[in-house]
Amino acid sequence: MNGSPEAPSFAMQLGGTALALVFVLALAWFALRGLKALQQRAAGGAAGDAPQVLRSTGVGPRERLLVVRYRGREYLLGVTAGAISALDSWPAGTEPPGAEPRL
């Protein structure tokens, strides 16, 4: 019996499968958005709390000096391929110690 009412048609099966796929993709999208928001909240949440690179100067092929602002202070960092060293720090918005006055 070819036209039996008990067997769903190919179009009905395809439609049901497509609907299930859309549901699973939407569920995955919402889950990823929720995890991202949860991760940001756990990490402090505020974008202003992230370190901000103010200046960068290369001093060698793989070495750099960075001035970074973080939580109201500025830091002079020495960055190499194998390490990051804090060389100096001062309150944000002031001149670094020993800096020449700007004209």
PDB file of N, CA and C in Angstrom:
ATOM      1  N   MET A   1       0.826  -1.177   0.000  1.00  0.00           N
ATOM      2  CA  MET A   1       0.000   0.000   0.000  1.00  0.00           C
ATOM      3  C   MET A   1       0.876   1.248   0.000  1.00  0.00           C
ATOM      4  N   ASN A   2       0.878   1.879  -1.138  1.00  0.00           N
ATOM      5  CA  ASN A   2       1.701   3.054  -1.324  1.00  0.00           C
ATOM      6  C   ASN A   2       1.168   4.278  -0.612  1.00  0.00           C
ATOM      7  N   GLY A   3      -0.060   4.573  -0.702  1.00  0.00           N
ATOM      8  CA  GLY A   3      -0.634   5.798  -0.161  1.00  0.00           C
ATOM      9  C   GLY A   3      -1.245   5.599   1.209  1.00  0.00           C
ATOM     10  N   SER A   4      -0.655   4.805   2.069  1.00  0.00           N
ATOM     11  CA  SER A   4      -1.225   4.521   3.388  1.00  0.00           C
ATOM     12  C   SER A   4      -1.197   5.766   4.268  1.00  0.00           C
ATOM     13  N   PRO A   5      -2.298   6.108   4.949  1.00  0.00           N
ATOM     14  CA  PRO A   5      -2.360   7.311   5.773  1.00  0.00           C
ATOM     15  C   PRO A   5      -1.500   7.206   7.022  1.00  0.00           C
ATOM     16  N   GLU A   6      -1.034   6.021   7.378  1.00  0.00           N
ATOM     17  CA  GLU A   6      -0.242   5.850   8.598  1.00  0.00           C
ATOM     18  C   GLU A   6       1.204   6.299   8.402  1.00  0.00           C
ATOM     19  N   ALA A   7       1.757   6.192   7.220  1.00  0.00           N
ATOM     20  CA  ALA A   7       3.144   6.558   6.963  1.00  0.00           C
ATOM     21  C   ALA A   7       3.221   8.045   6.606  1.00  0.00           C
ATOM     22  N   PRO A   8       4.047   8.836   7.350  1.00  0.00           N
ATOM     23  CA  PRO A   8       4.177  10.258   7.019  1.00  0.00           C
ATOM     24  C   PRO A   8       4.902  10.416   5.681  1.00  0.00           C
ATOM     25  N   SER A   9       4.570  11.446   4.984  1.00  0.00           N
ATOM     26  CA  SER A   9       5.180  11.700   3.681  1.00  0.00           C
ATOM     27  C   SER A   9       6.623  12.172   3.866  1.00  0.00           C
ATOM     28  N   PHE A  10       7.373  12.115   2.790  1.00  0.00           N
ATOM     29  CA  PHE A  10       8.763  12.548   2.820  1.00  0.00           C
ATOM     30  C   PHE A  10       8.863  14.027   3.212  1.00  0.00           C
ATOM     31  N   ALA A  11       7.962  14.848   2.712  1.00  0.00           N
ATOM     32  CA  ALA A  11       7.962  16.279   3.022  1.00  0.00           C
ATOM     33  C   ALA A  11       7.711  16.513   4.504  1.00  0.00           C
ATOM     34  N   MET A  12       6.823  15.724   5.120  1.00  0.00           N
ATOM     35  CA  MET A  12       6.545  15.857   6.556  1.00  0.00           C
ATOM     36  C   MET A  12       7.782  15.454   7.371  1.00  0.00           C
ATOM     37  N   GLN A  13       8.460  14.380   6.957  1.00  0.00           N
ATOM     38  CA  GLN A  13       9.667  13.951   7.658  1.00  0.00           C
ATOM     39  C   GLN A  13      10.773  14.996   7.543  1.00  0.00           C
ATOM     40  N   LEU A  14      10.949  15.533   6.340  1.00  0.00           N
ATOM     41  CA  LEU A  14      11.958  16.553   6.116  1.00  0.00           C
ATOM     42  C   LEU A  14      11.655  17.815   6.920  1.00  0.00           C
ATOM     43  N   GLY A  15      10.400  18.222   6.955  1.00  0.00           N
ATOM     44  CA  GLY A  15       9.993  19.396   7.731  1.00  0.00           C
ATOM     45  C   GLY A  15      10.228  19.197   9.220  1.00  0.00           C
ATOM     46  N   GLY A  16       9.911  18.023   9.728  1.00  0.00           N
ATOM     47  CA  GLY A  16      10.144  17.729  11.146  1.00  0.00           C
ATOM     48  C   GLY A  16      11.622  17.734  11.490  1.00  0.00           C
ATOM     49  N   THR A  17      12.440  17.193  10.601  1.00  0.00           N
ATOM     50  CA  THR A  17      13.887  17.182  10.824  1.00  0.00           C
ATOM     51  C   THR A  17      14.457  18.590  10.791  1.00  0.00           C
ATOM     52  N   ALA A  18      14.013  19.398   9.837  1.00  0.00           N
ATOM     53  CA  ALA A  18      14.478  20.788   9.739  1.00  0.00           C
ATOM     54  C   ALA A  18      14.068  21.578  10.975  1.00  0.00           C
ATOM     55  N   LEU A  19      12.859  21.360  11.466  1.00  0.00           N
ATOM     56  CA  LEU A  19      12.393  22.043  12.670  1.00  0.00           C
ATOM     57  C   LEU A  19      13.232  21.637  13.875  1.00  0.00           C
ATOM     58  N   ALA A  20      13.552  20.366  13.996  1.00  0.00           N
ATOM     59  CA  ALA A  20      14.392  19.896  15.102  1.00  0.00           C
ATOM     60  C   ALA A  20      15.789  20.503  15.018  1.00  0.00           C
ATOM     61  N   LEU A  21      16.348  20.606  13.810  1.00  0.00           N
ATOM     62  CA  LEU A  21      17.667  21.194  13.622  1.00  0.00           C
ATOM     63  C   LEU A  21      17.662  22.669  14.022  1.00  0.00           C
ATOM     64  N   VAL A  22      16.647  23.414  13.609  1.00  0.00           N
ATOM     65  CA  VAL A  22      16.536  24.828  13.981  1.00  0.00           C
ATOM     66  C   VAL A  22      16.437  24.967  15.499  1.00  0.00           C
ATOM     67  N   PHE A  23      15.680  24.109  16.141  1.00  0.00           N
ATOM     68  CA  PHE A  23      15.536  24.149  17.593  1.00  0.00           C
ATOM     69  C   PHE A  23      16.882  23.899  18.279  1.00  0.00           C
ATOM     70  N   VAL A  24      17.626  22.897  17.840  1.00  0.00           N
ATOM     71  CA  VAL A  24      18.921  22.573  18.447  1.00  0.00           C
ATOM     72  C   VAL A  24      19.919  23.707  18.231  1.00  0.00           C
ATOM     73  N   LEU A  25      19.955  24.285  17.036  1.00  0.00           N
ATOM     74  CA  LEU A  25      20.868  25.403  16.778  1.00  0.00           C
ATOM     75  C   LEU A  25      20.516  26.625  17.626  1.00  0.00           C
ATOM     76  N   ALA A  26      19.233  26.919  17.776  1.00  0.00           N
ATOM     77  CA  ALA A  26      18.810  28.048  18.616  1.00  0.00           C
ATOM     78  C   ALA A  26      19.178  27.792  20.075  1.00  0.00           C
ATOM     79  N   LEU A  27      18.988  26.580  20.535  1.00  0.00           N
ATOM     80  CA  LEU A  27      19.343  26.227  21.911  1.00  0.00           C
ATOM     81  C   LEU A  27      20.843  26.379  22.130  1.00  0.00           C
ATOM     82  N   ALA A  28      21.661  25.937  21.177  1.00  0.00           N
ATOM     83  CA  ALA A  28      23.114  26.075  21.288  1.00  0.00           C
ATOM     84  C   ALA A  28      23.520  27.546  21.289  1.00  0.00           C
ATOM     85  N   TRP A  29      22.885  28.376  20.448  1.00  0.00           N
ATOM     86  CA  TRP A  29      23.211  29.801  20.388  1.00  0.00           C
ATOM     87  C   TRP A  29      22.916  30.478  21.727  1.00  0.00           C
ATOM     88  N   PHE A  30      21.728  30.206  22.290  1.00  0.00           N
ATOM     89  CA  PHE A  30      21.383  30.800  23.586  1.00  0.00           C
ATOM     90  C   PHE A  30      22.302  30.302  24.692  1.00  0.00           C
ATOM     91  N   ALA A  31      22.691  29.046  24.657  1.00  0.00           N
ATOM     92  CA  ALA A  31      23.598  28.504  25.671  1.00  0.00           C
ATOM     93  C   ALA A  31      24.966  29.179  25.589  1.00  0.00           C
ATOM     94  N   LEU A  32      25.482  29.393  24.374  1.00  0.00           N
ATOM     95  CA  LEU A  32      26.767  30.060  24.219  1.00  0.00           C
ATOM     96  C   LEU A  32      26.712  31.508  24.686  1.00  0.00           C
ATOM     97  N   ARG A  33      25.625  32.196  24.373  1.00  0.00           N
ATOM     98  CA  ARG A  33      25.468  33.588  24.844  1.00  0.00           C
ATOM     99  C   ARG A  33      25.427  33.644  26.370  1.00  0.00           C
ATOM    100  N   GLY A  34      24.714  32.712  26.968  1.00  0.00           N
ATOM    101  CA  GLY A  34      24.634  32.663  28.428  1.00  0.00           C
ATOM    102  C   GLY A  34      25.974  32.367  29.068  1.00  0.00           C
ATOM    103  N   LEU A  35      26.731  31.435  28.485  1.00  0.00           N
ATOM    104  CA  LEU A  35      28.051  31.116  29.017  1.00  0.00           C
ATOM    105  C   LEU A  35      29.003  32.301  28.887  1.00  0.00           C
ATOM    106  N   LYS A  36      28.911  33.020  27.780  1.00  0.00           N
ATOM    107  CA  LYS A  36      29.767  34.189  27.587  1.00  0.00           C
ATOM    108  C   LYS A  36      29.460  35.269  28.624  1.00  0.00           C
ATOM    109  N   ALA A  37      28.182  35.511  28.874  1.00  0.00           N
ATOM    110  CA  ALA A  37      27.792  36.508  29.874  1.00  0.00           C
ATOM    111  C   ALA A  37      28.239  36.070  31.266  1.00  0.00           C
ATOM    112  N   LEU A  38      28.100  34.802  31.563  1.00  0.00           N
ATOM    113  CA  LEU A  38      28.523  34.279  32.860  1.00  0.00           C
ATOM    114  C   LEU A  38      30.030  34.404  33.026  1.00  0.00           C
ATOM    115  N   GLN A  39      30.773  34.138  31.979  1.00  0.00           N
ATOM    116  CA  GLN A  39      32.224  34.237  32.018  1.00  0.00           C
ATOM    117  C   GLN A  39      32.664  35.686  32.225  1.00  0.00           C
ATOM    118  N   GLN A  40      32.013  36.627  31.570  1.00  0.00           N
ATOM    119  CA  GLN A  40      32.360  38.034  31.734  1.00  0.00           C
ATOM    120  C   GLN A  40      32.042  38.510  33.147  1.00  0.00           C
ATOM    121  N   ARG A  41      30.927  38.064  33.683  1.00  0.00           N
ATOM    122  CA  ARG A  41      30.554  38.443  35.036  1.00  0.00           C
ATOM    123  C   ARG A  41      31.550  37.889  36.049  1.00  0.00           C
ATOM    124  N   ALA A  42      32.005  36.657  35.843  1.00  0.00           N
ATOM    125  CA  ALA A  42      32.954  36.032  36.755  1.00  0.00           C
ATOM    126  C   ALA A  42      34.329  36.688  36.669  1.00  0.00           C
ATOM    127  N   ALA A  43      34.660  37.246  35.521  1.00  0.00           N
ATOM    128  CA  ALA A  43      35.971  37.874  35.330  1.00  0.00           C
ATOM    129  C   ALA A  43      35.981  39.334  35.774  1.00  0.00           C
ATOM    130  N   GLY A  44      34.934  39.823  36.346  1.00  0.00           N
ATOM    131  CA  GLY A  44      34.896  41.204  36.791  1.00  0.00           C
ATOM    132  C   GLY A  44      33.881  42.024  36.043  1.00  0.00           C
ATOM    133  N   GLY A  45      33.566  41.625  34.830  1.00  0.00           N
ATOM    134  CA  GLY A  45      32.493  42.235  34.082  1.00  0.00           C
ATOM    135  C   GLY A  45      32.764  43.595  33.489  1.00  0.00           C
ATOM    136  N   ALA A  46      33.442  44.465  34.188  1.00  0.00           N
ATOM    137  CA  ALA A  46      33.608  45.827  33.703  1.00  0.00           C
ATOM    138  C   ALA A  46      34.709  45.896  32.661  1.00  0.00           C
ATOM    139  N   ALA A  47      34.419  46.494  31.520  1.00  0.00           N
ATOM    140  CA  ALA A  47      35.425  46.625  30.474  1.00  0.00           C
ATOM    141  C   ALA A  47      36.509  47.607  30.891  1.00  0.00           C
ATOM    142  N   GLY A  48      36.184  48.575  31.754  1.00  0.00           N
ATOM    143  CA  GLY A  48      37.155  49.545  32.240  1.00  0.00           C
ATOM    144  C   GLY A  48      38.166  48.938  33.182  1.00  0.00           C
ATOM    145  N   ASP A  49      37.925  47.721  33.623  1.00  0.00           N
ATOM    146  CA  ASP A  49      38.824  47.050  34.545  1.00  0.00           C
ATOM    147  C   ASP A  49      39.935  46.313  33.812  1.00  0.00           C
ATOM    148  N   ALA A  50      39.865  46.226  32.512  1.00  0.00           N
ATOM    149  CA  ALA A  50      40.874  45.513  31.734  1.00  0.00           C
ATOM    150  C   ALA A  50      42.125  46.381  31.599  1.00  0.00           C
ATOM    151  N   PRO A  51      43.301  45.780  31.592  1.00  0.00           N
ATOM    152  CA  PRO A  51      44.524  46.558  31.369  1.00  0.00           C
ATOM    153  C   PRO A  51      44.488  47.240  30.004  1.00  0.00           C
ATOM    154  N   GLN A  52      45.030  48.454  29.943  1.00  0.00           N
ATOM    155  CA  GLN A  52      45.024  49.235  28.707  1.00  0.00           C
ATOM    156  C   GLN A  52      46.463  49.593  28.341  1.00  0.00           C
ATOM    157  N   VAL A  53      46.912  49.178  27.167  1.00  0.00           N
ATOM    158  CA  VAL A  53      48.269  49.485  26.713  1.00  0.00           C
ATOM    159  C   VAL A  53      48.285  50.923  26.200  1.00  0.00           C
ATOM    160  N   LEU A  54      49.114  51.773  26.815  1.00  0.00           N
ATOM    161  CA  LEU A  54      49.202  53.175  26.424  1.00  0.00           C
ATOM    162  C   LEU A  54      50.302  53.412  25.396  1.00  0.00           C
ATOM    163  N   ARG A  55      51.455  52.791  25.602  1.00  0.00           N
ATOM    164  CA  ARG A  55      52.589  52.947  24.688  1.00  0.00           C
ATOM    165  C   ARG A  55      53.329  51.622  24.579  1.00  0.00           C
ATOM    166  N   SER A  56      53.992  51.435  23.454  1.00  0.00           N
ATOM    167  CA  SER A  56      54.788  50.234  23.233  1.00  0.00           C
ATOM    168  C   SER A  56      56.013  50.613  22.412  1.00  0.00           C
ATOM    169  N   THR A  57      57.184  50.169  22.860  1.00  0.00           N
ATOM    170  CA  THR A  57      58.423  50.460  22.163  1.00  0.00           C
ATOM    171  C   THR A  57      59.243  49.184  22.044  1.00  0.00           C
ATOM    172  N   GLY A  58      59.640  48.860  20.833  1.00  0.00           N
ATOM    173  CA  GLY A  58      60.502  47.702  20.628  1.00  0.00           C
ATOM    174  C   GLY A  58      61.935  48.040  20.988  1.00  0.00           C
ATOM    175  N   VAL A  59      62.595  47.175  21.741  1.00  0.00           N
ATOM    176  CA  VAL A  59      63.992  47.400  22.111  1.00  0.00           C
ATOM    177  C   VAL A  59      64.886  46.272  21.597  1.00  0.00           C
ATOM    178  N   GLY A  60      64.323  45.344  20.895  1.00  0.00           N
ATOM    179  CA  GLY A  60      65.074  44.226  20.331  1.00  0.00           C
ATOM    180  C   GLY A  60      64.150  43.427  19.439  1.00  0.00           C
ATOM    181  N   PRO A  61      64.653  42.346  18.858  1.00  0.00           N
ATOM    182  CA  PRO A  61      63.806  41.568  17.955  1.00  0.00           C
ATOM    183  C   PRO A  61      62.596  40.934  18.644  1.00  0.00           C
ATOM    184  N   ARG A  62      62.732  40.580  19.923  1.00  0.00           N
ATOM    185  CA  ARG A  62      61.614  39.956  20.638  1.00  0.00           C
ATOM    186  C   ARG A  62      61.395  40.583  22.009  1.00  0.00           C
ATOM    187  N   GLU A  63      61.890  41.797  22.198  1.00  0.00           N
ATOM    188  CA  GLU A  63      61.754  42.489  23.472  1.00  0.00           C
ATOM    189  C   GLU A  63      61.031  43.813  23.267  1.00  0.00           C
ATOM    190  N   ARG A  64      60.178  44.161  24.251  1.00  0.00           N
ATOM    191  CA  ARG A  64      59.412  45.397  24.169  1.00  0.00           C
ATOM    192  C   ARG A  64      59.313  46.025  25.550  1.00  0.00           C
ATOM    193  N   LEU A  65      59.135  47.327  25.572  1.00  0.00           N
ATOM    194  CA  LEU A  65      58.764  48.057  26.773  1.00  0.00           C
ATOM    195  C   LEU A  65      57.336  48.528  26.583  1.00  0.00           C
ATOM    196  N   LEU A  66      56.487  48.288  27.559  1.00  0.00           N
ATOM    197  CA  LEU A  66      55.083  48.697  27.497  1.00  0.00           C
ATOM    198  C   LEU A  66      54.757  49.606  28.666  1.00  0.00           C
ATOM    199  N   VAL A  67      53.936  50.612  28.425  1.00  0.00           N
ATOM    200  CA  VAL A  67      53.317  51.389  29.494  1.00  0.00           C
ATOM    201  C   VAL A  67      51.857  50.980  29.504  1.00  0.00           C
ATOM    202  N   VAL A  68      51.415  50.439  30.638  1.00  0.00           N
ATOM    203  CA  VAL A  68      50.075  49.873  30.769  1.00  0.00           C
ATOM    204  C   VAL A  68      49.353  50.564  31.914  1.00  0.00           C
ATOM    205  N   ARG A  69      48.089  50.930  31.699  1.00  0.00           N
ATOM    206  CA  ARG A  69      47.261  51.506  32.768  1.00  0.00           C
ATOM    207  C   ARG A  69      46.325  50.411  33.276  1.00  0.00           C
ATOM    208  N   TYR A  70      46.316  50.249  34.608  1.00  0.00           N
ATOM    209  CA  TYR A  70      45.459  49.233  35.217  1.00  0.00           C
ATOM    210  C   TYR A  70      45.079  49.673  36.619  1.00  0.00           C
ATOM    211  N   ARG A  71      43.786  49.767  36.854  1.00  0.00           N
ATOM    212  CA  ARG A  71      43.224  50.112  38.162  1.00  0.00           C
ATOM    213  C   ARG A  71      43.862  51.358  38.785  1.00  0.00           C
ATOM    214  N   GLY A  72      43.933  52.435  38.002  1.00  0.00           N
ATOM    215  CA  GLY A  72      44.370  53.719  38.538  1.00  0.00           C
ATOM    216  C   GLY A  72      45.877  53.883  38.651  1.00  0.00           C
ATOM    217  N   ARG A  73      46.634  52.968  38.114  1.00  0.00           N
ATOM    218  CA  ARG A  73      48.092  53.085  38.119  1.00  0.00           C
ATOM    219  C   ARG A  73      48.614  52.799  36.713  1.00  0.00           C
ATOM    220  N   GLU A  74      49.788  53.353  36.422  1.00  0.00           N
ATOM    221  CA  GLU A  74      50.460  53.057  35.166  1.00  0.00           C
ATOM    222  C   GLU A  74      51.718  52.262  35.488  1.00  0.00           C
ATOM    223  N   TYR A  75      51.991  51.274  34.663  1.00  0.00           N
ATOM    224  CA  TYR A  75      53.110  50.367  34.888  1.00  0.00           C
ATOM    225  C   TYR A  75      54.021  50.364  33.667  1.00  0.00           C
ATOM    226  N   LEU A  76      55.326  50.345  33.914  1.00  0.00           N
ATOM    227  CA  LEU A  76      56.305  50.137  32.869  1.00  0.00           C
ATOM    228  C   LEU A  76      56.680  48.661  32.928  1.00  0.00           C
ATOM    229  N   LEU A  77      56.408  47.947  31.840  1.00  0.00           N
ATOM    230  CA  LEU A  77      56.656  46.510  31.795  1.00  0.00           C
ATOM    231  C   LEU A  77      57.718  46.192  30.756  1.00  0.00           C
ATOM    232  N   GLY A  78      58.610  45.280  31.101  1.00  0.00           N
ATOM    233  CA  GLY A  78      59.559  44.730  30.155  1.00  0.00           C
ATOM    234  C   GLY A  78      59.035  43.382  29.699  1.00  0.00           C
ATOM    235  N   VAL A  79      58.842  43.216  28.402  1.00  0.00           N
ATOM    236  CA  VAL A  79      58.255  41.988  27.866  1.00  0.00           C
ATOM    237  C   VAL A  79      59.265  41.315  26.954  1.00  0.00           C
ATOM    238  N   THR A  80      59.579  40.059  27.256  1.00  0.00           N
ATOM    239  CA  THR A  80      60.458  39.250  26.414  1.00  0.00           C
ATOM    240  C   THR A  80      59.689  38.016  25.980  1.00  0.00           C
ATOM    241  N   ALA A  81      60.338  37.166  25.213  1.00  0.00           N
ATOM    242  CA  ALA A  81      59.683  35.940  24.748  1.00  0.00           C
ATOM    243  C   ALA A  81      59.349  35.016  25.907  1.00  0.00           C
ATOM    244  N   GLY A  82      60.117  35.103  26.997  1.00  0.00           N
ATOM    245  CA  GLY A  82      59.908  34.167  28.096  1.00  0.00           C
ATOM    246  C   GLY A  82      59.371  34.761  29.379  1.00  0.00           C
ATOM    247  N   ALA A  83      59.242  36.085  29.484  1.00  0.00           N
ATOM    248  CA  ALA A  83      58.824  36.662  30.769  1.00  0.00           C
ATOM    249  C   ALA A  83      58.261  38.069  30.582  1.00  0.00           C
ATOM    250  N   ILE A  84      57.528  38.496  31.603  1.00  0.00           N
ATOM    251  CA  ILE A  84      57.042  39.872  31.706  1.00  0.00           C
ATOM    252  C   ILE A  84      57.477  40.372  33.072  1.00  0.00           C
ATOM    253  N   SER A  85      58.187  41.505  33.102  1.00  0.00           N
ATOM    254  CA  SER A  85      58.700  42.050  34.360  1.00  0.00           C
ATOM    255  C   SER A  85      58.158  43.451  34.571  1.00  0.00           C
ATOM    256  N   ALA A  86      57.679  43.722  35.795  1.00  0.00           N
ATOM    257  CA  ALA A  86      57.248  45.071  36.158  1.00  0.00           C
ATOM    258  C   ALA A  86      58.487  45.865  36.539  1.00  0.00           C
ATOM    259  N   LEU A  87      58.786  46.920  35.782  1.00  0.00           N
ATOM    260  CA  LEU A  87      59.991  47.702  36.014  1.00  0.00           C
ATOM    261  C   LEU A  87      59.732  48.905  36.899  1.00  0.00           C
ATOM    262  N   ASP A  88      58.549  49.510  36.790  1.00  0.00           N
ATOM    263  CA  ASP A  88      58.223  50.695  37.590  1.00  0.00           C
ATOM    264  C   ASP A  88      56.708  50.895  37.559  1.00  0.00           C
ATOM    265  N   SER A  89      56.184  51.696  38.488  1.00  0.00           N
ATOM    266  CA  SER A  89      54.764  52.059  38.477  1.00  0.00           C
ATOM    267  C   SER A  89      54.592  53.428  39.113  1.00  0.00           C
ATOM    268  N   TRP A  90      53.501  54.106  38.746  1.00  0.00           N
ATOM    269  CA  TRP A  90      53.177  55.419  39.274  1.00  0.00           C
ATOM    270  C   TRP A  90      51.685  55.639  39.133  1.00  0.00           C
ATOM    271  N   PRO A  91      51.114  56.607  39.881  1.00  0.00           N
ATOM    272  CA  PRO A  91      49.679  56.869  39.771  1.00  0.00           C
ATOM    273  C   PRO A  91      49.314  57.329  38.361  1.00  0.00           C
ATOM    274  N   ALA A  92      48.182  56.865  37.870  1.00  0.00           N
ATOM    275  CA  ALA A  92      47.724  57.225  36.529  1.00  0.00           C
ATOM    276  C   ALA A  92      47.504  58.725  36.427  1.00  0.00           C
ATOM    277  N   GLY A  93      47.841  59.291  35.277  1.00  0.00           N
ATOM    278  CA  GLY A  93      47.623  60.716  35.022  1.00  0.00           C
ATOM    279  C   GLY A  93      48.765  61.585  35.476  1.00  0.00           C
ATOM    280  N   THR A  94      49.780  61.040  36.133  1.00  0.00           N
ATOM    281  CA  THR A  94      50.944  61.833  36.527  1.00  0.00           C
ATOM    282  C   THR A  94      52.114  61.411  35.654  1.00  0.00           C
ATOM    283  N   GLU A  95      53.160  62.228  35.675  1.00  0.00           N
ATOM    284  CA  GLU A  95      54.360  61.892  34.912  1.00  0.00           C
ATOM    285  C   GLU A  95      55.127  60.788  35.632  1.00  0.00           C
ATOM    286  N   PRO A  96      55.771  59.925  34.884  1.00  0.00           N
ATOM    287  CA  PRO A  96      56.580  58.885  35.516  1.00  0.00           C
ATOM    288  C   PRO A  96      57.732  59.502  36.302  1.00  0.00           C
ATOM    289  N   PRO A  97      58.204  58.819  37.330  1.00  0.00           N
ATOM    290  CA  PRO A  97      59.332  59.349  38.094  1.00  0.00           C
ATOM    291  C   PRO A  97      60.552  59.527  37.186  1.00  0.00           C
ATOM    292  N   GLY A  98      61.222  60.662  37.303  1.00  0.00           N
ATOM    293  CA  GLY A  98      62.432  60.924  36.522  1.00  0.00           C
ATOM    294  C   GLY A  98      62.147  61.338  35.088  1.00  0.00           C
ATOM    295  N   ALA A  99      60.888  61.573  34.729  1.00  0.00           N
ATOM    296  CA  ALA A  99      60.568  61.978  33.360  1.00  0.00           C
ATOM    297  C   ALA A  99      60.949  63.434  33.146  1.00  0.00           C
ATOM    298  N   GLU A 100      61.403  63.742  31.946  1.00  0.00           N
ATOM    299  CA  GLU A 100      61.719  65.118  31.609  1.00  0.00           C
ATOM    300  C   GLU A 100      60.428  65.896  31.396  1.00  0.00           C
ATOM    301  N   PRO A 101      60.379  67.136  31.839  1.00  0.00           N
ATOM    302  CA  PRO A 101      59.156  67.926  31.640  1.00  0.00           C
ATOM    303  C   PRO A 101      58.869  68.156  30.153  1.00  0.00           C
ATOM    304  N   ARG A 102      57.605  68.106  29.802  1.00  0.00           N
ATOM    305  CA  ARG A 102      57.190  68.338  28.405  1.00  0.00           C
ATOM    306  C   ARG A 102      57.093  69.822  28.139  1.00  0.00           C
ATOM    307  N   LEU A 103      57.461  70.223  26.938  1.00  0.00           N
ATOM    308  CA  LEU A 103      57.383  71.642  26.569  1.00  0.00           C
ATOM    309  C   LEU A 103      56.099  71.962  25.888  1.00  0.00           C
TER     310      LEU A 103
END
